[in-house]
Amino acid sequence: MAEERAIAKFRILVVDDHPVVRQGLLHFINQQNDLVGCGEASNSSEALQSASSSRPDLAIVDVRLKNEDGLELVRELKARFPEMRILMLSQYDLPLYAERALRAGALGFVIKAQAADEILAAIRSVLAGDIYLPRLLTRHLLHQLIGAAHSTPRPSVENLTDRELHVFRLLGAGRSTREIAVVLGLSFKTVETHRENIKHKLGLQGANQLIHFATEWARQQTSSQQPEVAQDLASDPNVQASRATRLPT
């Protein structure tokens, strides 16, 4: 008779285009008594294939997958595997993507810079069927919601659809309309329509203003986190206390 019954472990799929991040997450996950990494993927195609073969309980998905949109992958995963839970991982522009992640079907949103124990808490919370957001990000979104209810809407990147935001991000990365069409599998005309809609929503006049605005926005995203949230994270004593226990990468 076996001395000890095997403990059932939750199966985790990690989707991120950076191998070091995938390996760090899987190493950390496999150290837990109740979790096991069952697969990894660097893009949407690999993620869908791995999800089909390994049937994970939870997928951790990066918001940005090179030229692909992690939000679209979340929708596809939820459509094909409705019982699977999803936790989104991000580094930049936190409030903007957190809200969109939840709307796409994710139950949680974590920041790559968070401490390992906080990411672990997010994983277990989402596995339990609860919504997880970092406390300071939740506060920021609530303030944003309250402010929106008492102010006149202004042109903002937040007004873009997910597809328009993806096009806008690629424009900021220096991609031409034709290149964006190839990357996203769209017609040239469709991308042009998205560009026109973006200009209208952001109150921009002409292609030069659009490219300049997109380039500057992209530069800000890659140089720092959302200012208000980054400042809150840096000043919060709980975050400072956990600096020494970050997720291994």
C-alpha atoms as a PDB file:
ATOM      1  CA  MET A   1       0.000   0.000   0.000  1.00  0.00           C
ATOM      2  CA  ALA A   2       1.358   3.421  -0.954  1.00  0.00           C
ATOM      3  CA  GLU A   3       2.460   5.467   2.019  1.00  0.00           C
ATOM      4  CA  GLU A   4       1.270   8.657   0.504  1.00  0.00           C
ATOM      5  CA  ARG A   5      -1.346   9.456  -2.102  1.00  0.00           C
ATOM      6  CA  ALA A   6      -0.104  11.545  -5.019  1.00  0.00           C
ATOM      7  CA  ILE A   7      -1.174  15.170  -4.853  1.00  0.00           C
ATOM      8  CA  ALA A   8      -3.161  16.354  -7.881  1.00  0.00           C
ATOM      9  CA  LYS A   9      -1.434  19.358  -9.383  1.00  0.00           C
ATOM     10  CA  PHE A  10      -2.876  22.211 -11.424  1.00  0.00           C
ATOM     11  CA  ARG A  11      -1.434  22.255 -14.937  1.00  0.00           C
ATOM     12  CA  ILE A  12      -0.010  25.573 -16.164  1.00  0.00           C
ATOM     13  CA  LEU A  13       0.769  26.690 -19.728  1.00  0.00           C
ATOM     14  CA  VAL A  14       3.138  29.659 -20.125  1.00  0.00           C
ATOM     15  CA  VAL A  15       2.887  31.832 -23.258  1.00  0.00           C
ATOM     16  CA  ASP A  16       5.577  34.492 -23.699  1.00  0.00           C
ATOM     17  CA  ASP A  17       7.847  35.365 -26.608  1.00  0.00           C
ATOM     18  CA  HIS A  18      10.913  35.670 -24.340  1.00  0.00           C
ATOM     19  CA  PRO A  19      12.489  32.262 -23.527  1.00  0.00           C
ATOM     20  CA  VAL A  20      14.061  33.570 -20.315  1.00  0.00           C
ATOM     21  CA  VAL A  21      10.653  34.654 -18.984  1.00  0.00           C
ATOM     22  CA  ARG A  22       9.067  31.309 -19.896  1.00  0.00           C
ATOM     23  CA  GLN A  23      11.861  29.339 -18.284  1.00  0.00           C
ATOM     24  CA  GLY A  24      11.816  31.493 -15.160  1.00  0.00           C
ATOM     25  CA  LEU A  25       8.073  31.097 -14.728  1.00  0.00           C
ATOM     26  CA  LEU A  26       8.126  27.353 -15.347  1.00  0.00           C
ATOM     27  CA  HIS A  27      11.016  26.879 -12.926  1.00  0.00           C
ATOM     28  CA  PHE A  28       9.127  28.794 -10.260  1.00  0.00           C
ATOM     29  CA  ILE A  29       5.842  26.952 -10.953  1.00  0.00           C
ATOM     30  CA  ASN A  30       7.481  23.528 -10.777  1.00  0.00           C
ATOM     31  CA  GLN A  31       8.833  24.331  -7.315  1.00  0.00           C
ATOM     32  CA  GLN A  32       5.275  24.460  -5.938  1.00  0.00           C
ATOM     33  CA  ASN A  33       3.616  21.399  -4.430  1.00  0.00           C
ATOM     34  CA  ASP A  34       0.273  22.067  -6.113  1.00  0.00           C
ATOM     35  CA  LEU A  35       1.389  23.349  -9.525  1.00  0.00           C
ATOM     36  CA  VAL A  36       3.170  21.904 -12.549  1.00  0.00           C
ATOM     37  CA  GLY A  37       4.170  23.415 -15.871  1.00  0.00           C
ATOM     38  CA  CYS A  38       2.588  21.408 -18.682  1.00  0.00           C
ATOM     39  CA  GLY A  39       3.749  23.428 -21.666  1.00  0.00           C
ATOM     40  CA  GLU A  40       5.215  26.602 -23.071  1.00  0.00           C
ATOM     41  CA  ALA A  41       4.667  28.643 -26.219  1.00  0.00           C
ATOM     42  CA  SER A  42       6.167  31.700 -27.865  1.00  0.00           C
ATOM     43  CA  ASN A  43       3.255  32.621 -30.150  1.00  0.00           C
ATOM     44  CA  SER A  44      -0.459  32.093 -30.702  1.00  0.00           C
ATOM     45  CA  SER A  45      -0.118  29.057 -32.957  1.00  0.00           C
ATOM     46  CA  GLU A  46       2.096  27.227 -30.470  1.00  0.00           C
ATOM     47  CA  ALA A  47      -0.191  28.237 -27.603  1.00  0.00           C
ATOM     48  CA  LEU A  48      -3.317  26.840 -29.258  1.00  0.00           C
ATOM     49  CA  GLN A  49      -1.525  23.614 -30.160  1.00  0.00           C
ATOM     50  CA  SER A  50      -0.121  23.200 -26.645  1.00  0.00           C
ATOM     51  CA  ALA A  51      -3.470  23.979 -25.032  1.00  0.00           C
ATOM     52  CA  SER A  52      -5.124  21.336 -27.205  1.00  0.00           C
ATOM     53  CA  SER A  53      -2.568  18.624 -26.395  1.00  0.00           C
ATOM     54  CA  SER A  54      -1.850  19.355 -22.717  1.00  0.00           C
ATOM     55  CA  ARG A  55      -5.248  20.693 -21.579  1.00  0.00           C
ATOM     56  CA  PRO A  56      -3.940  23.116 -18.926  1.00  0.00           C
ATOM     57  CA  ASP A  57      -6.045  24.376 -16.035  1.00  0.00           C
ATOM     58  CA  LEU A  58      -4.493  27.815 -16.434  1.00  0.00           C
ATOM     59  CA  ALA A  59      -2.663  29.702 -19.178  1.00  0.00           C
ATOM     60  CA  ILE A  60      -0.359  32.598 -18.343  1.00  0.00           C
ATOM     61  CA  VAL A  61      -0.334  34.819 -21.439  1.00  0.00           C
ATOM     62  CA  ASP A  62       1.840  37.836 -22.179  1.00  0.00           C
ATOM     63  CA  VAL A  63      -0.091  40.821 -23.517  1.00  0.00           C
ATOM     64  CA  ARG A  64       2.496  41.379 -26.235  1.00  0.00           C
ATOM     65  CA  LEU A  65       3.758  38.506 -28.353  1.00  0.00           C
ATOM     66  CA  LYS A  66       6.125  40.143 -30.835  1.00  0.00           C
ATOM     67  CA  ASN A  67       3.848  41.112 -33.728  1.00  0.00           C
ATOM     68  CA  GLU A  68       0.829  39.297 -32.290  1.00  0.00           C
ATOM     69  CA  ASP A  69      -1.802  40.522 -29.880  1.00  0.00           C
ATOM     70  CA  GLY A  70      -2.084  38.558 -26.649  1.00  0.00           C
ATOM     71  CA  LEU A  71      -5.630  39.839 -26.171  1.00  0.00           C
ATOM     72  CA  GLU A  72      -6.748  38.151 -29.375  1.00  0.00           C
ATOM     73  CA  LEU A  73      -5.108  34.937 -28.214  1.00  0.00           C
ATOM     74  CA  VAL A  74      -7.050  35.128 -24.946  1.00  0.00           C
ATOM     75  CA  ARG A  75     -10.322  35.363 -26.859  1.00  0.00           C
ATOM     76  CA  GLU A  76      -9.359  32.400 -29.034  1.00  0.00           C
ATOM     77  CA  LEU A  77      -8.335  30.299 -26.033  1.00  0.00           C
ATOM     78  CA  LYS A  78     -11.583  31.069 -24.220  1.00  0.00           C
ATOM     79  CA  ALA A  79     -13.614  30.231 -27.324  1.00  0.00           C
ATOM     80  CA  ARG A  80     -11.901  26.852 -27.774  1.00  0.00           C
ATOM     81  CA  PHE A  81     -11.322  25.961 -24.130  1.00  0.00           C
ATOM     82  CA  PRO A  82     -13.984  27.761 -22.065  1.00  0.00           C
ATOM     83  CA  GLU A  83     -13.101  25.909 -18.841  1.00  0.00           C
ATOM     84  CA  MET A  84      -9.471  27.019 -18.960  1.00  0.00           C
ATOM     85  CA  ARG A  85      -8.609  30.040 -16.834  1.00  0.00           C
ATOM     86  CA  ILE A  86      -6.279  32.766 -18.016  1.00  0.00           C
ATOM     87  CA  LEU A  87      -3.880  35.092 -16.224  1.00  0.00           C
ATOM     88  CA  MET A  88      -2.374  37.894 -18.287  1.00  0.00           C
ATOM     89  CA  LEU A  89       1.173  39.107 -17.861  1.00  0.00           C
ATOM     90  CA  SER A  90       2.358  42.576 -18.858  1.00  0.00           C
ATOM     91  CA  GLN A  91       5.096  45.127 -18.417  1.00  0.00           C
ATOM     92  CA  TYR A  92       3.866  48.401 -19.932  1.00  0.00           C
ATOM     93  CA  ASP A  93       0.833  50.697 -19.810  1.00  0.00           C
ATOM     94  CA  LEU A  94      -0.817  48.745 -17.024  1.00  0.00           C
ATOM     95  CA  PRO A  95      -4.324  50.264 -16.597  1.00  0.00           C
ATOM     96  CA  LEU A  96      -4.884  50.352 -20.362  1.00  0.00           C
ATOM     97  CA  TYR A  97      -4.232  46.645 -20.800  1.00  0.00           C
ATOM     98  CA  ALA A  98      -5.631  45.402 -17.481  1.00  0.00           C
ATOM     99  CA  GLU A  99      -9.175  46.466 -18.325  1.00  0.00           C
ATOM    100  CA  ARG A 100      -8.913  45.019 -21.830  1.00  0.00           C
ATOM    101  CA  ALA A 101      -7.518  41.752 -20.486  1.00  0.00           C
ATOM    102  CA  LEU A 102     -10.538  41.244 -18.246  1.00  0.00           C
ATOM    103  CA  ARG A 103     -12.929  42.107 -21.066  1.00  0.00           C
ATOM    104  CA  ALA A 104     -11.160  39.589 -23.323  1.00  0.00           C
ATOM    105  CA  GLY A 105     -11.796  36.783 -20.849  1.00  0.00           C
ATOM    106  CA  ALA A 106      -8.810  36.738 -18.496  1.00  0.00           C
ATOM    107  CA  LEU A 107      -9.528  36.501 -14.772  1.00  0.00           C
ATOM    108  CA  GLY A 108      -6.326  38.152 -13.662  1.00  0.00           C
ATOM    109  CA  PHE A 109      -3.568  40.555 -14.621  1.00  0.00           C
ATOM    110  CA  VAL A 110      -0.051  40.674 -13.192  1.00  0.00           C
ATOM    111  CA  ILE A 111       2.995  42.818 -13.766  1.00  0.00           C
ATOM    112  CA  LYS A 112       6.301  41.182 -14.661  1.00  0.00           C
ATOM    113  CA  ALA A 113       8.055  43.330 -12.061  1.00  0.00           C
ATOM    114  CA  GLN A 114       5.924  41.958  -9.219  1.00  0.00           C
ATOM    115  CA  ALA A 115       7.488  39.775  -6.546  1.00  0.00           C
ATOM    116  CA  ALA A 116       7.323  36.001  -6.962  1.00  0.00           C
ATOM    117  CA  ASP A 117       4.933  35.521  -4.042  1.00  0.00           C
ATOM    118  CA  GLU A 118       2.516  38.043  -5.570  1.00  0.00           C
ATOM    119  CA  ILE A 119       2.546  36.245  -8.912  1.00  0.00           C
ATOM    120  CA  LEU A 120       1.954  32.981  -7.073  1.00  0.00           C
ATOM    121  CA  ALA A 121      -1.016  34.562  -5.270  1.00  0.00           C
ATOM    122  CA  ALA A 122      -2.396  35.667  -8.641  1.00  0.00           C
ATOM    123  CA  ILE A 123      -2.043  32.156 -10.094  1.00  0.00           C
ATOM    124  CA  ARG A 124      -3.877  30.531  -7.195  1.00  0.00           C
ATOM    125  CA  SER A 125      -6.544  33.221  -7.089  1.00  0.00           C
ATOM    126  CA  VAL A 126      -7.373  32.778 -10.783  1.00  0.00           C
ATOM    127  CA  LEU A 127      -7.333  28.978 -10.438  1.00  0.00           C
ATOM    128  CA  ALA A 128      -9.941  29.406  -7.689  1.00  0.00           C
ATOM    129  CA  GLY A 129     -12.130  31.373 -10.108  1.00  0.00           C
ATOM    130  CA  ASP A 130     -11.494  34.774  -8.531  1.00  0.00           C
ATOM    131  CA  ILE A 131     -10.491  37.983 -10.278  1.00  0.00           C
ATOM    132  CA  TYR A 132      -6.988  39.153  -9.454  1.00  0.00           C
ATOM    133  CA  LEU A 133      -5.497  42.602  -9.969  1.00  0.00           C
ATOM    134  CA  PRO A 134      -2.585  44.164  -8.087  1.00  0.00           C
ATOM    135  CA  ARG A 135      -3.952  46.322  -5.277  1.00  0.00           C
ATOM    136  CA  LEU A 136      -2.430  49.556  -6.556  1.00  0.00           C
ATOM    137  CA  LEU A 137      -3.609  48.872 -10.089  1.00  0.00           C
ATOM    138  CA  THR A 138      -7.138  48.261  -8.782  1.00  0.00           C
ATOM    139  CA  ARG A 139      -7.016  51.595  -7.000  1.00  0.00           C
ATOM    140  CA  HIS A 140      -5.813  53.327 -10.152  1.00  0.00           C
ATOM    141  CA  LEU A 141      -8.604  51.826 -12.266  1.00  0.00           C
ATOM    142  CA  LEU A 142     -11.227  52.805  -9.698  1.00  0.00           C
ATOM    143  CA  HIS A 143      -9.972  56.396  -9.637  1.00  0.00           C
ATOM    144  CA  GLN A 144      -9.996  56.376 -13.428  1.00  0.00           C
ATOM    145  CA  LEU A 145     -13.583  55.069 -13.468  1.00  0.00           C
ATOM    146  CA  ILE A 146     -14.763  57.670 -10.966  1.00  0.00           C
ATOM    147  CA  GLY A 147     -13.015  60.441 -12.881  1.00  0.00           C
ATOM    148  CA  ALA A 148     -14.559  59.325 -16.169  1.00  0.00           C
ATOM    149  CA  ALA A 149     -18.028  59.548 -14.655  1.00  0.00           C
ATOM    150  CA  HIS A 150     -17.527  63.225 -13.813  1.00  0.00           C
ATOM    151  CA  SER A 151     -15.578  64.486 -16.812  1.00  0.00           C
ATOM    152  CA  THR A 152     -16.066  65.146 -20.498  1.00  0.00           C
ATOM    153  CA  PRO A 153     -14.522  62.394 -22.663  1.00  0.00           C
ATOM    154  CA  ARG A 154     -11.205  63.438 -24.217  1.00  0.00           C
ATOM    155  CA  PRO A 155      -9.216  61.978 -27.110  1.00  0.00           C
ATOM    156  CA  SER A 156      -7.213  59.104 -25.653  1.00  0.00           C
ATOM    157  CA  VAL A 157      -5.532  55.865 -26.660  1.00  0.00           C
ATOM    158  CA  GLU A 158      -7.972  54.187 -24.275  1.00  0.00           C
ATOM    159  CA  ASN A 159     -10.759  54.976 -26.764  1.00  0.00           C
ATOM    160  CA  LEU A 160      -9.207  52.732 -29.419  1.00  0.00           C
ATOM    161  CA  THR A 161     -10.501  49.238 -30.050  1.00  0.00           C
ATOM    162  CA  ASP A 162      -8.095  46.357 -29.394  1.00  0.00           C
ATOM    163  CA  ARG A 163      -7.385  46.030 -33.117  1.00  0.00           C
ATOM    164  CA  GLU A 164      -6.826  49.769 -33.508  1.00  0.00           C
ATOM    165  CA  LEU A 165      -4.515  49.719 -30.499  1.00  0.00           C
ATOM    166  CA  HIS A 166      -2.496  46.912 -32.101  1.00  0.00           C
ATOM    167  CA  VAL A 167      -2.216  48.856 -35.364  1.00  0.00           C
ATOM    168  CA  PHE A 168      -1.276  51.982 -33.406  1.00  0.00           C
ATOM    169  CA  ARG A 169       1.436  50.084 -31.515  1.00  0.00           C
ATOM    170  CA  LEU A 170       2.902  48.721 -34.772  1.00  0.00           C
ATOM    171  CA  LEU A 171       2.904  52.208 -36.261  1.00  0.00           C
ATOM    172  CA  GLY A 172       4.814  53.374 -33.210  1.00  0.00           C
ATOM    173  CA  ALA A 173       7.320  50.570 -33.781  1.00  0.00           C
ATOM    174  CA  GLY A 174       8.052  51.973 -37.241  1.00  0.00           C
ATOM    175  CA  ARG A 175       5.967  49.561 -39.318  1.00  0.00           C
ATOM    176  CA  SER A 176       4.483  50.788 -42.593  1.00  0.00           C
ATOM    177  CA  THR A 177       0.853  50.262 -43.517  1.00  0.00           C
ATOM    178  CA  ARG A 178       1.818  47.493 -45.927  1.00  0.00           C
ATOM    179  CA  GLU A 179       3.962  45.752 -43.303  1.00  0.00           C
ATOM    180  CA  ILE A 180       1.159  45.957 -40.756  1.00  0.00           C
ATOM    181  CA  ALA A 181      -1.248  44.418 -43.267  1.00  0.00           C
ATOM    182  CA  VAL A 182       1.107  41.457 -43.731  1.00  0.00           C
ATOM    183  CA  VAL A 183       1.749  41.014 -40.001  1.00  0.00           C
ATOM    184  CA  LEU A 184      -1.949  41.103 -39.079  1.00  0.00           C
ATOM    185  CA  GLY A 185      -3.201  39.251 -42.140  1.00  0.00           C
ATOM    186  CA  LEU A 186      -5.348  42.194 -43.222  1.00  0.00           C
ATOM    187  CA  SER A 187      -5.799  44.003 -46.506  1.00  0.00           C
ATOM    188  CA  PHE A 188      -3.970  47.262 -47.127  1.00  0.00           C
ATOM    189  CA  LYS A 189      -7.319  49.033 -47.318  1.00  0.00           C
ATOM    190  CA  THR A 190      -8.437  47.649 -43.942  1.00  0.00           C
ATOM    191  CA  VAL A 191      -5.273  48.929 -42.247  1.00  0.00           C
ATOM    192  CA  GLU A 192      -5.800  52.316 -43.909  1.00  0.00           C
ATOM    193  CA  THR A 193      -9.323  52.369 -42.461  1.00  0.00           C
ATOM    194  CA  HIS A 194      -7.940  51.610 -39.017  1.00  0.00           C
ATOM    195  CA  ARG A 195      -5.444  54.450 -39.420  1.00  0.00           C
ATOM    196  CA  GLU A 196      -8.225  56.875 -40.298  1.00  0.00           C
ATOM    197  CA  ASN A 197     -10.297  55.762 -37.309  1.00  0.00           C
ATOM    198  CA  ILE A 198      -7.294  56.172 -35.017  1.00  0.00           C
ATOM    199  CA  LYS A 199      -6.635  59.690 -36.280  1.00  0.00           C
ATOM    200  CA  HIS A 200     -10.267  60.612 -35.737  1.00  0.00           C
ATOM    201  CA  LYS A 201     -10.422  59.188 -32.205  1.00  0.00           C
ATOM    202  CA  LEU A 202      -7.157  60.863 -31.177  1.00  0.00           C
ATOM    203  CA  GLY A 203      -7.976  64.204 -32.811  1.00  0.00           C
ATOM    204  CA  LEU A 204      -4.943  64.050 -35.093  1.00  0.00           C
ATOM    205  CA  GLN A 205      -4.544  65.802 -38.412  1.00  0.00           C
ATOM    206  CA  GLY A 206      -2.721  63.918 -41.132  1.00  0.00           C
ATOM    207  CA  ALA A 207      -0.307  60.997 -41.334  1.00  0.00           C
ATOM    208  CA  ASN A 208       2.673  62.903 -39.918  1.00  0.00           C
ATOM    209  CA  GLN A 209       0.871  63.702 -36.670  1.00  0.00           C
ATOM    210  CA  LEU A 210      -0.285  60.105 -36.366  1.00  0.00           C
ATOM    211  CA  ILE A 211       3.208  58.659 -36.851  1.00  0.00           C
ATOM    212  CA  HIS A 212       4.767  61.183 -34.469  1.00  0.00           C
ATOM    213  CA  PHE A 213       2.149  60.517 -31.779  1.00  0.00           C
ATOM    214  CA  ALA A 214       2.405  56.733 -32.165  1.00  0.00           C
ATOM    215  CA  THR A 215       6.203  56.819 -32.069  1.00  0.00           C
ATOM    216  CA  GLU A 216       6.273  58.970 -28.945  1.00  0.00           C
ATOM    217  CA  TRP A 217       3.663  56.766 -27.243  1.00  0.00           C
ATOM    218  CA  ALA A 218       5.666  53.637 -28.059  1.00  0.00           C
ATOM    219  CA  ARG A 219       8.844  55.262 -26.733  1.00  0.00           C
ATOM    220  CA  GLN A 220       7.133  56.069 -23.442  1.00  0.00           C
ATOM    221  CA  GLN A 221       5.854  52.507 -23.123  1.00  0.00           C
ATOM    222  CA  THR A 222       9.304  51.007 -23.553  1.00  0.00           C
ATOM    223  CA  SER A 223      11.095  53.512 -21.327  1.00  0.00           C
ATOM    224  CA  SER A 224       8.875  53.332 -18.268  1.00  0.00           C
ATOM    225  CA  GLN A 225       5.702  51.925 -16.777  1.00  0.00           C
ATOM    226  CA  GLN A 226       2.516  53.934 -16.487  1.00  0.00           C
ATOM    227  CA  PRO A 227       3.787  56.939 -14.461  1.00  0.00           C
ATOM    228  CA  GLU A 228       1.187  56.975 -11.713  1.00  0.00           C
ATOM    229  CA  VAL A 229       1.307  53.231 -11.159  1.00  0.00           C
ATOM    230  CA  ALA A 230       5.099  53.050 -11.339  1.00  0.00           C
ATOM    231  CA  GLN A 231       5.357  55.798  -8.735  1.00  0.00           C
ATOM    232  CA  ASP A 232       2.864  54.009  -6.485  1.00  0.00           C
ATOM    233  CA  LEU A 233       4.718  50.716  -6.851  1.00  0.00           C
ATOM    234  CA  ALA A 234       8.026  52.341  -5.997  1.00  0.00           C
ATOM    235  CA  SER A 235       6.679  54.020  -2.867  1.00  0.00           C
ATOM    236  CA  ASP A 236       4.538  51.178  -1.517  1.00  0.00           C
ATOM    237  CA  PRO A 237       6.253  49.580   1.529  1.00  0.00           C
ATOM    238  CA  ASN A 238       4.850  46.119   0.753  1.00  0.00           C
ATOM    239  CA  VAL A 239       6.386  46.218  -2.708  1.00  0.00           C
ATOM    240  CA  GLN A 240       9.709  47.488  -1.347  1.00  0.00           C
ATOM    241  CA  ALA A 241       9.789  44.679   1.199  1.00  0.00           C
ATOM    242  CA  SER A 242       9.355  42.045  -1.506  1.00  0.00           C
ATOM    243  CA  ARG A 243      12.097  43.263  -3.860  1.00  0.00           C
ATOM    244  CA  ALA A 244      14.385  40.477  -2.726  1.00  0.00           C
ATOM    245  CA  THR A 245      11.926  37.705  -3.661  1.00  0.00           C
ATOM    246  CA  ARG A 246      11.335  38.374  -7.340  1.00  0.00           C
ATOM    247  CA  LEU A 247      10.417  35.736  -9.849  1.00  0.00           C
ATOM    248  CA  PRO A 248      13.606  34.151 -11.220  1.00  0.00           C
ATOM    249  CA  THR A 249      14.288  35.096 -14.844  1.00  0.00           C
END
